[in-house]
C-alpha atoms as a PDB file:
ATOM      1  CA  MET A   1      59.989  -4.822   6.109  1.00  0.00           C
ATOM      2  CA  ILE A   2      62.442  -2.555   4.276  1.00  0.00           C
ATOM      3  CA  ARG A   3      62.011   0.149   6.933  1.00  0.00           C
ATOM      4  CA  THR A   4      62.509  -2.429   9.689  1.00  0.00           C
ATOM      5  CA  ALA A   5      65.683  -3.686   7.987  1.00  0.00           C
ATOM      6  CA  LEU A   6      67.006  -0.132   7.784  1.00  0.00           C
ATOM      7  CA  ALA A   7      66.324   0.355  11.490  1.00  0.00           C
ATOM      8  CA  LEU A   8      68.209  -2.843  12.329  1.00  0.00           C
ATOM      9  CA  ALA A   9      71.104  -1.760  10.113  1.00  0.00           C
ATOM     10  CA  TRP A  10      71.282   1.529  12.009  1.00  0.00           C
ATOM     11  CA  LEU A  11      71.366  -0.312  15.345  1.00  0.00           C
ATOM     12  CA  ALA A  12      74.104  -2.608  14.077  1.00  0.00           C
ATOM     13  CA  PHE A  13      76.143   0.436  13.056  1.00  0.00           C
ATOM     14  CA  VAL A  14      75.660   2.121  16.427  1.00  0.00           C
ATOM     15  CA  SER A  15      76.542  -1.051  18.331  1.00  0.00           C
ATOM     16  CA  GLY A  16      79.670  -1.431  16.190  1.00  0.00           C
ATOM     17  CA  GLN A  17      80.675   2.145  16.940  1.00  0.00           C
ATOM     18  CA  ALA A  18      80.195   1.500  20.664  1.00  0.00           C
ATOM     19  CA  ALA A  19      82.340  -1.642  20.552  1.00  0.00           C
ATOM     20  CA  SER A  20      85.005   0.227  18.580  1.00  0.00           C
ATOM     21  CA  ALA A  21      85.037   2.989  21.167  1.00  0.00           C
ATOM     22  CA  GLN A  22      85.634   0.436  23.902  1.00  0.00           C
ATOM     23  CA  GLU A  23      88.437  -1.286  21.988  1.00  0.00           C
ATOM     24  CA  LYS A  24      90.250   2.013  21.386  1.00  0.00           C
ATOM     25  CA  SER A  25      90.146   2.964  25.041  1.00  0.00           C
ATOM     26  CA  GLU A  26      93.380   2.177  26.880  1.00  0.00           C
ATOM     27  CA  GLN A  27      91.448   2.042  30.141  1.00  0.00           C
ATOM     28  CA  GLN A  28      87.871   2.692  31.090  1.00  0.00           C
ATOM     29  CA  GLY A  29      88.947   5.599  33.263  1.00  0.00           C
ATOM     30  CA  TYR A  30      85.763   6.131  35.288  1.00  0.00           C
ATOM     31  CA  SER A  31      84.997   4.737  38.717  1.00  0.00           C
ATOM     32  CA  ASP A  32      81.728   2.848  39.098  1.00  0.00           C
ATOM     33  CA  ASP A  33      80.436   5.717  41.226  1.00  0.00           C
ATOM     34  CA  GLN A  34      81.133   8.170  38.388  1.00  0.00           C
ATOM     35  CA  LEU A  35      79.472   5.839  35.884  1.00  0.00           C
ATOM     36  CA  ALA A  36      76.349   5.622  38.052  1.00  0.00           C
ATOM     37  CA  LYS A  37      76.152   9.420  38.148  1.00  0.00           C
ATOM     38  CA  LYS A  38      76.552   9.587  34.361  1.00  0.00           C
ATOM     39  CA  LEU A  39      73.784   7.040  33.930  1.00  0.00           C
ATOM     40  CA  ALA A  40      71.435   9.350  35.828  1.00  0.00           C
ATOM     41  CA  ASN A  41      72.123  12.014  33.176  1.00  0.00           C
ATOM     42  CA  PRO A  42      70.261  11.289  29.894  1.00  0.00           C
ATOM     43  CA  VAL A  43      72.734  13.456  27.928  1.00  0.00           C
ATOM     44  CA  ALA A  44      76.008  12.365  29.542  1.00  0.00           C
ATOM     45  CA  SER A  45      78.952  11.829  27.185  1.00  0.00           C
ATOM     46  CA  LEU A  46      78.783   8.059  27.636  1.00  0.00           C
ATOM     47  CA  VAL A  47      78.363   5.418  24.941  1.00  0.00           C
ATOM     48  CA  SER A  48      75.741   2.964  26.155  1.00  0.00           C
ATOM     49  CA  LEU A  49      73.279   0.365  24.931  1.00  0.00           C
ATOM     50  CA  PRO A  50      70.205   0.055  27.172  1.00  0.00           C
ATOM     51  CA  LEU A  51      67.858  -2.897  26.633  1.00  0.00           C
ATOM     52  CA  GLN A  52      64.570  -2.137  28.362  1.00  0.00           C
ATOM     53  CA  LEU A  53      62.042  -4.973  28.722  1.00  0.00           C
ATOM     54  CA  ASN A  54      58.524  -3.909  29.751  1.00  0.00           C
ATOM     55  CA  TYR A  55      55.449  -5.933  30.636  1.00  0.00           C
ATOM     56  CA  ASP A  56      52.028  -4.263  30.989  1.00  0.00           C
ATOM     57  CA  CYS A  57      48.793  -5.790  32.220  1.00  0.00           C
ATOM     58  CA  CYS A  58      45.834  -5.908  31.814  1.00  0.00           C
ATOM     59  CA  TYR A  59      44.327  -4.695  28.527  1.00  0.00           C
ATOM     60  CA  ALA A  60      40.586  -4.831  27.917  1.00  0.00           C
ATOM     61  CA  PRO A  61      38.529  -6.748  27.007  1.00  0.00           C
ATOM     62  CA  ASP A  62      40.384  -9.988  27.803  1.00  0.00           C
ATOM     63  CA  ASP A  63      42.880  -8.765  30.438  1.00  0.00           C
ATOM     64  CA  ASN A  64      45.728  -9.668  28.074  1.00  0.00           C
ATOM     65  CA  GLY A  65      49.277  -8.544  28.706  1.00  0.00           C
ATOM     66  CA  ALA A  66      51.773  -6.890  26.373  1.00  0.00           C
ATOM     67  CA  TRP A  67      55.563  -7.083  26.144  1.00  0.00           C
ATOM     68  CA  LEU A  68      57.745  -4.270  24.835  1.00  0.00           C
ATOM     69  CA  LEU A  69      61.508  -4.421  24.313  1.00  0.00           C
ATOM     70  CA  ASN A  70      63.050  -0.982  23.734  1.00  0.00           C
ATOM     71  CA  VAL A  71      66.529  -1.057  22.196  1.00  0.00           C
ATOM     72  CA  GLN A  72      67.995   2.359  23.050  1.00  0.00           C
ATOM     73  CA  PRO A  73      71.571   3.030  21.853  1.00  0.00           C
ATOM     74  CA  VAL A  74      73.114   6.320  23.012  1.00  0.00           C
ATOM     75  CA  MET A  75      75.980   7.890  21.065  1.00  0.00           C
ATOM     76  CA  PRO A  76      77.771  11.114  22.144  1.00  0.00           C
ATOM     77  CA  PHE A  77      79.756  13.317  19.769  1.00  0.00           C
ATOM     78  CA  ALA A  78      82.010  16.174  20.919  1.00  0.00           C
ATOM     79  CA  LEU A  79      81.359  19.111  18.567  1.00  0.00           C
ATOM     80  CA  ASN A  80      83.758  21.402  20.421  1.00  0.00           C
ATOM     81  CA  GLU A  81      84.930  22.104  23.979  1.00  0.00           C
ATOM     82  CA  ASN A  82      81.616  23.698  24.910  1.00  0.00           C
ATOM     83  CA  LEU A  83      79.040  21.615  23.052  1.00  0.00           C
ATOM     84  CA  ASN A  84      78.208  17.916  22.732  1.00  0.00           C
ATOM     85  CA  LEU A  85      75.710  16.183  20.473  1.00  0.00           C
ATOM     86  CA  ILE A  86      73.956  13.229  22.123  1.00  0.00           C
ATOM     87  CA  VAL A  87      71.987  10.951  19.803  1.00  0.00           C
ATOM     88  CA  ARG A  88      69.403   8.810  21.610  1.00  0.00           C
ATOM     89  CA  THR A  89      67.495   6.217  19.571  1.00  0.00           C
ATOM     90  CA  ILE A  90      64.508   4.109  20.654  1.00  0.00           C
ATOM     91  CA  LEU A  91      63.532   1.104  18.525  1.00  0.00           C
ATOM     92  CA  PRO A  92      60.593  -0.859  20.028  1.00  0.00           C
ATOM     93  CA  LEU A  93      59.817  -4.548  19.554  1.00  0.00           C
ATOM     94  CA  HIS A  94      56.271  -5.508  20.591  1.00  0.00           C
ATOM     95  CA  TYR A  95      54.535  -8.699  21.575  1.00  0.00           C
ATOM     96  CA  ARG A  96      50.821  -8.566  22.413  1.00  0.00           C
ATOM     97  CA  GLU A  97      48.964 -11.581  23.758  1.00  0.00           C
ATOM     98  CA  GLY A  98      45.958 -12.465  21.613  1.00  0.00           C
ATOM     99  CA  ARG A  99      47.088 -10.228  18.752  1.00  0.00           C
ATOM    100  CA  SER A 100      48.756 -10.997  15.416  1.00  0.00           C
ATOM    101  CA  SER A 101      50.943  -8.957  13.073  1.00  0.00           C
ATOM    102  CA  ILE A 102      52.621  -9.452   9.705  1.00  0.00           C
ATOM    103  CA  ASP A 103      55.896 -10.455  11.414  1.00  0.00           C
ATOM    104  CA  GLY A 104      54.335 -13.340  13.311  1.00  0.00           C
ATOM    105  CA  GLU A 105      51.803 -14.079  15.990  1.00  0.00           C
ATOM    106  CA  GLY A 106      51.769 -11.039  18.265  1.00  0.00           C
ATOM    107  CA  PHE A 107      55.261  -9.812  17.311  1.00  0.00           C
ATOM    108  CA  GLY A 108      56.141  -6.609  15.502  1.00  0.00           C
ATOM    109  CA  PHE A 109      58.507  -3.643  15.353  1.00  0.00           C
ATOM    110  CA  GLY A 110      57.217  -0.245  16.414  1.00  0.00           C
ATOM    111  CA  ASP A 111      58.082   3.163  15.019  1.00  0.00           C
ATOM    112  CA  THR A 112      61.523   4.562  15.881  1.00  0.00           C
ATOM    113  CA  THR A 113      62.080   7.771  17.840  1.00  0.00           C
ATOM    114  CA  GLN A 114      65.474   9.483  17.495  1.00  0.00           C
ATOM    115  CA  SER A 115      66.461  12.518  19.581  1.00  0.00           C
ATOM    116  CA  PHE A 116      69.410  14.841  18.909  1.00  0.00           C
ATOM    117  CA  PHE A 117      70.415  16.753  22.047  1.00  0.00           C
ATOM    118  CA  PHE A 118      72.858  19.650  21.848  1.00  0.00           C
ATOM    119  CA  ALA A 119      74.165  19.660  25.413  1.00  0.00           C
ATOM    120  CA  LEU A 120      76.120  22.363  27.206  1.00  0.00           C
ATOM    121  CA  PRO A 121      78.748  21.435  29.820  1.00  0.00           C
ATOM    122  CA  PRO A 122      77.360  21.189  33.372  1.00  0.00           C
ATOM    123  CA  ASN A 123      77.449  24.491  35.292  1.00  0.00           C
ATOM    124  CA  ASN A 124      77.290  24.133  39.079  1.00  0.00           C
ATOM    125  CA  GLY A 125      75.588  20.758  38.570  1.00  0.00           C
ATOM    126  CA  LEU A 126      73.025  22.163  36.119  1.00  0.00           C
ATOM    127  CA  THR A 127      72.845  20.614  32.639  1.00  0.00           C
ATOM    128  CA  LEU A 128      70.779  22.057  29.783  1.00  0.00           C
ATOM    129  CA  ALA A 129      70.177  20.374  26.438  1.00  0.00           C
ATOM    130  CA  ALA A 130      67.794  20.796  23.509  1.00  0.00           C
ATOM    131  CA  GLY A 131      67.433  19.801  19.876  1.00  0.00           C
ATOM    132  CA  PRO A 132      65.245  18.138  17.256  1.00  0.00           C
ATOM    133  CA  VAL A 133      63.490  14.796  17.503  1.00  0.00           C
ATOM    134  CA  VAL A 134      62.561  12.627  14.504  1.00  0.00           C
ATOM    135  CA  TYR A 135      59.866   9.940  14.341  1.00  0.00           C
ATOM    136  CA  TRP A 136      60.577   7.216  11.770  1.00  0.00           C
ATOM    137  CA  PRO A 137      57.757   4.941  10.474  1.00  0.00           C
ATOM    138  CA  THR A 138      59.657   1.657  10.922  1.00  0.00           C
ATOM    139  CA  GLY A 139      56.726  -0.249  12.439  1.00  0.00           C
ATOM    140  CA  SER A 140      55.345  -3.584  11.306  1.00  0.00           C
ATOM    141  CA  GLU A 141      51.710  -3.992  10.354  1.00  0.00           C
ATOM    142  CA  GLY A 142      49.551  -3.613  13.441  1.00  0.00           C
ATOM    143  CA  TYR A 143      52.218  -1.666  15.358  1.00  0.00           C
ATOM    144  CA  GLU A 144      52.857   1.253  13.010  1.00  0.00           C
ATOM    145  CA  SER A 145      51.422   4.754  12.758  1.00  0.00           C
ATOM    146  CA  GLY A 146      52.314   5.063   9.072  1.00  0.00           C
ATOM    147  CA  LYS A 147      53.370   8.653   9.708  1.00  0.00           C
ATOM    148  CA  TRP A 148      56.680  10.503   9.590  1.00  0.00           C
ATOM    149  CA  GLY A 149      57.090  12.884  12.496  1.00  0.00           C
ATOM    150  CA  ALA A 150      59.363  15.643  13.777  1.00  0.00           C
ATOM    151  CA  GLY A 151      59.499  17.973  16.725  1.00  0.00           C
ATOM    152  CA  VAL A 152      61.618  19.372  19.527  1.00  0.00           C
ATOM    153  CA  THR A 153      63.113  17.880  22.677  1.00  0.00           C
ATOM    154  CA  GLY A 154      64.826  19.304  25.766  1.00  0.00           C
ATOM    155  CA  LEU A 155      66.309  18.458  29.146  1.00  0.00           C
ATOM    156  CA  VAL A 156      66.893  20.310  32.402  1.00  0.00           C
ATOM    157  CA  LEU A 157      68.969  18.348  34.926  1.00  0.00           C
ATOM    158  CA  LYS A 158      70.416  19.175  38.344  1.00  0.00           C
ATOM    159  CA  GLN A 159      73.008  16.919  39.973  1.00  0.00           C
ATOM    160  CA  GLN A 160      74.207  17.559  43.506  1.00  0.00           C
ATOM    161  CA  GLY A 161      75.967  14.959  45.619  1.00  0.00           C
ATOM    162  CA  HIS A 162      74.064  11.683  45.448  1.00  0.00           C
ATOM    163  CA  VAL A 163      70.947  13.285  43.945  1.00  0.00           C
ATOM    164  CA  SER A 164      69.962  13.776  40.296  1.00  0.00           C
ATOM    165  CA  TYR A 165      66.638  15.281  39.298  1.00  0.00           C
ATOM    166  CA  GLY A 166      65.116  17.078  36.356  1.00  0.00           C
ATOM    167  CA  ILE A 167      62.725  16.784  33.447  1.00  0.00           C
ATOM    168  CA  LEU A 168      63.011  15.397  29.924  1.00  0.00           C
ATOM    169  CA  ALA A 169      60.409  16.513  27.386  1.00  0.00           C
ATOM    170  CA  ASN A 170      59.551  16.411  23.720  1.00  0.00           C
ATOM    171  CA  HIS A 171      56.709  17.155  21.336  1.00  0.00           C
ATOM    172  CA  ILE A 172      56.210  15.360  18.031  1.00  0.00           C
ATOM    173  CA  TRP A 173      53.958  16.344  15.125  1.00  0.00           C
ATOM    174  CA  SER A 174      53.287  14.181  12.071  1.00  0.00           C
ATOM    175  CA  VAL A 175      54.734  15.806   8.941  1.00  0.00           C
ATOM    176  CA  ALA A 176      54.043  13.230   6.202  1.00  0.00           C
ATOM    177  CA  GLY A 177      52.332   9.925   5.580  1.00  0.00           C
ATOM    178  CA  PRO A 178      49.063   8.468   4.328  1.00  0.00           C
ATOM    179  CA  GLU A 179      46.095  10.809   4.694  1.00  0.00           C
ATOM    180  CA  ASN A 180      43.898   7.985   5.934  1.00  0.00           C
ATOM    181  CA  ARG A 181      46.120   7.522   9.001  1.00  0.00           C
ATOM    182  CA  PRO A 182      45.495   9.600  12.158  1.00  0.00           C
ATOM    183  CA  ASP A 183      47.729  12.628  12.612  1.00  0.00           C
ATOM    184  CA  ILE A 184      50.249  12.731  15.455  1.00  0.00           C
ATOM    185  CA  SER A 185      50.502  15.523  17.996  1.00  0.00           C
ATOM    186  CA  SER A 186      52.012  14.126  21.172  1.00  0.00           C
ATOM    187  CA  THR A 187      53.751  15.676  24.190  1.00  0.00           C
ATOM    188  CA  PHE A 188      56.062  13.573  26.369  1.00  0.00           C
ATOM    189  CA  LEU A 189      57.027  14.758  29.871  1.00  0.00           C
ATOM    190  CA  GLN A 190      59.362  12.763  32.110  1.00  0.00           C
ATOM    191  CA  PRO A 191      60.132  14.320  35.492  1.00  0.00           C
ATOM    192  CA  PHE A 192      62.635  12.094  37.302  1.00  0.00           C
ATOM    193  CA  TYR A 193      64.526  11.705  40.574  1.00  0.00           C
ATOM    194  CA  ASN A 194      67.537   9.435  41.247  1.00  0.00           C
ATOM    195  CA  TYR A 195      69.429   8.852  44.478  1.00  0.00           C
ATOM    196  CA  THR A 196      72.715   6.977  44.029  1.00  0.00           C
ATOM    197  CA  TRP A 197      74.702   5.448  46.890  1.00  0.00           C
ATOM    198  CA  PRO A 198      78.524   5.068  46.674  1.00  0.00           C
ATOM    199  CA  ASN A 199      78.147   1.344  45.886  1.00  0.00           C
ATOM    200  CA  THR A 200      76.303   2.419  42.652  1.00  0.00           C
ATOM    201  CA  THR A 201      72.887   1.253  43.869  1.00  0.00           C
ATOM    202  CA  SER A 202      70.356   3.820  42.649  1.00  0.00           C
ATOM    203  CA  PHE A 203      66.764   4.487  43.665  1.00  0.00           C
ATOM    204  CA  ILE A 204      64.758   5.653  40.650  1.00  0.00           C
ATOM    205  CA  ILE A 205      61.359   7.306  40.378  1.00  0.00           C
ATOM    206  CA  ASN A 206      59.845   8.949  37.316  1.00  0.00           C
ATOM    207  CA  LEU A 207      56.657   9.758  35.457  1.00  0.00           C
ATOM    208  CA  GLU A 208      56.609   8.942  31.734  1.00  0.00           C
ATOM    209  CA  SER A 209      53.617  11.124  30.893  1.00  0.00           C
ATOM    210  CA  THR A 210      52.284  11.364  27.342  1.00  0.00           C
ATOM    211  CA  TYR A 211      49.483  13.673  26.218  1.00  0.00           C
ATOM    212  CA  ASP A 212      47.796  12.870  22.905  1.00  0.00           C
ATOM    213  CA  TRP A 213      46.448  16.174  21.595  1.00  0.00           C
ATOM    214  CA  GLU A 214      44.509  14.473  18.799  1.00  0.00           C
ATOM    215  CA  ARG A 215      42.532  12.324  21.247  1.00  0.00           C
ATOM    216  CA  ASP A 216      42.710  14.648  24.278  1.00  0.00           C
ATOM    217  CA  GLN A 217      44.077  11.798  26.402  1.00  0.00           C
ATOM    218  CA  TRP A 218      46.786  11.445  29.067  1.00  0.00           C
ATOM    219  CA  THR A 219      48.788   8.265  29.684  1.00  0.00           C
ATOM    220  CA  ILE A 220      50.705   8.574  32.974  1.00  0.00           C
ATOM    221  CA  PRO A 221      52.709   5.609  34.283  1.00  0.00           C
ATOM    222  CA  LEU A 222      54.590   6.061  37.573  1.00  0.00           C
ATOM    223  CA  ASN A 223      57.809   3.995  37.660  1.00  0.00           C
ATOM    224  CA  THR A 224      59.806   3.205  40.799  1.00  0.00           C
ATOM    225  CA  GLY A 225      62.750   0.855  41.163  1.00  0.00           C
ATOM    226  CA  ILE A 226      66.449   0.283  41.736  1.00  0.00           C
ATOM    227  CA  SER A 227      69.557  -0.347  39.637  1.00  0.00           C
ATOM    228  CA  ARG A 228      73.206  -1.215  40.230  1.00  0.00           C
ATOM    229  CA  ILE A 229      76.373  -1.483  38.131  1.00  0.00           C
ATOM    230  CA  PHE A 230      78.094  -4.855  37.770  1.00  0.00           C
ATOM    231  CA  SER A 231      81.173  -6.028  35.897  1.00  0.00           C
ATOM    232  CA  PHE A 232      81.131  -9.209  33.795  1.00  0.00           C
ATOM    233  CA  SER A 233      84.581 -10.113  32.451  1.00  0.00           C
ATOM    234  CA  GLY A 234      85.447  -6.414  32.355  1.00  0.00           C
ATOM    235  CA  GLN A 235      82.182  -5.360  30.669  1.00  0.00           C
ATOM    236  CA  LYS A 236      80.293  -2.812  32.788  1.00  0.00           C
ATOM    237  CA  VAL A 237      76.543  -3.419  32.884  1.00  0.00           C
ATOM    238  CA  SER A 238      73.864  -1.634  34.883  1.00  0.00           C
ATOM    239  CA  LEU A 239      71.007  -3.952  35.880  1.00  0.00           C
ATOM    240  CA  GLY A 240      67.722  -2.590  37.147  1.00  0.00           C
ATOM    241  CA  ALA A 241      64.128  -3.484  37.950  1.00  0.00           C
ATOM    242  CA  GLN A 242      61.072  -1.250  38.275  1.00  0.00           C
ATOM    243  CA  ALA A 243      57.369  -1.517  39.051  1.00  0.00           C
ATOM    244  CA  ARG A 244      54.817   0.644  37.269  1.00  0.00           C
ATOM    245  CA  ALA A 245      51.361   1.926  38.218  1.00  0.00           C
ATOM    246  CA  TYR A 246      49.146   3.892  35.818  1.00  0.00           C
ATOM    247  CA  LEU A 247      47.796   7.129  37.257  1.00  0.00           C
ATOM    248  CA  ASP A 248      45.873   7.822  34.029  1.00  0.00           C
ATOM    249  CA  ARG A 249      45.380   5.821  30.840  1.00  0.00           C
ATOM    250  CA  PRO A 250      43.089   5.470  27.821  1.00  0.00           C
ATOM    251  CA  ASP A 251      39.978   3.330  28.144  1.00  0.00           C
ATOM    252  CA  GLY A 252      40.968  -0.313  27.977  1.00  0.00           C
ATOM    253  CA  GLY A 253      44.613   0.477  28.774  1.00  0.00           C
ATOM    254  CA  PRO A 254      46.823  -1.379  31.268  1.00  0.00           C
ATOM    255  CA  ASP A 255      46.550  -1.146  35.047  1.00  0.00           C
ATOM    256  CA  TRP A 256      50.129  -1.945  36.054  1.00  0.00           C
ATOM    257  CA  GLY A 257      53.485  -3.008  34.673  1.00  0.00           C
ATOM    258  CA  LEU A 258      57.017  -4.230  35.324  1.00  0.00           C
ATOM    259  CA  ARG A 259      60.353  -3.248  33.778  1.00  0.00           C
ATOM    260  CA  LEU A 260      63.782  -4.897  33.588  1.00  0.00           C
ATOM    261  CA  VAL A 261      66.728  -2.918  32.220  1.00  0.00           C
ATOM    262  CA  ALA A 262      70.237  -4.022  31.198  1.00  0.00           C
ATOM    263  CA  THR A 263      72.467  -1.112  30.133  1.00  0.00           C
ATOM    264  CA  PHE A 264      75.822  -2.005  28.567  1.00  0.00           C
ATOM    265  CA  LEU A 265      78.380   0.729  29.226  1.00  0.00           C
ATOM    266  CA  PHE A 266      81.344   1.668  27.032  1.00  0.00           C
ATOM    267  CA  PRO A 267      83.123   4.431  28.976  1.00  0.00           C
ATOM    268  CA  THR A 268      86.113   6.203  27.421  1.00  0.00           C
ATOM    269  CA  LYS A 269      88.118   9.271  28.354  1.00  0.00           C
END
């Protein structure tokens, strides 16, 4: 519970920083078309708060479903004219039908993943970024690994006209934690393609592939969907929906899934 409280405190701090950044901005300064292009770039210098709600079905043996809410604040920091630091945090909140945890029937926090990208300015539409990734054991009972982890992450992105494509990757090893818990050695690969029309509607397709080296097992969901930017009382929000099919999964894993995403944008210049 203490680790979960610390994770929530961090999110509150990040959200406060994002709100402060918006208040200090005299004007938002970016067109919606520019914002949509920045959203397609995982390391753009854009303060944002994505809320990603996932539903997966159907887990063996009872064909139960599972809900996952990923809270994913993104904070950019300008280190100098030629280098930005982009901090991307993922805090998961789980609900599994037919399962219980210490935080209540089926509910529980998962472990937090935090990536630190050192990003170079785009060059002819090409963006390169790399840095460390940290895995924090913030999970509730039943949803935690119990392990501390660390590793490396990187991004290669090409943007040209309406098209954005590239690959995001990381690898995490466990570095501390109880010896009776399984070690972590996991590779994440996310090739992606976005096409964005001038009205900010985007077509999205990606693979969120994970390879578990300890269990010699791939998990490969294919996501396809659309998103669009809206304005609610001056607050820019990107709303999106995706469908997911599993090309590979562990035994007893889900067959298909759905995703809804609301990304709150705090653009400043």
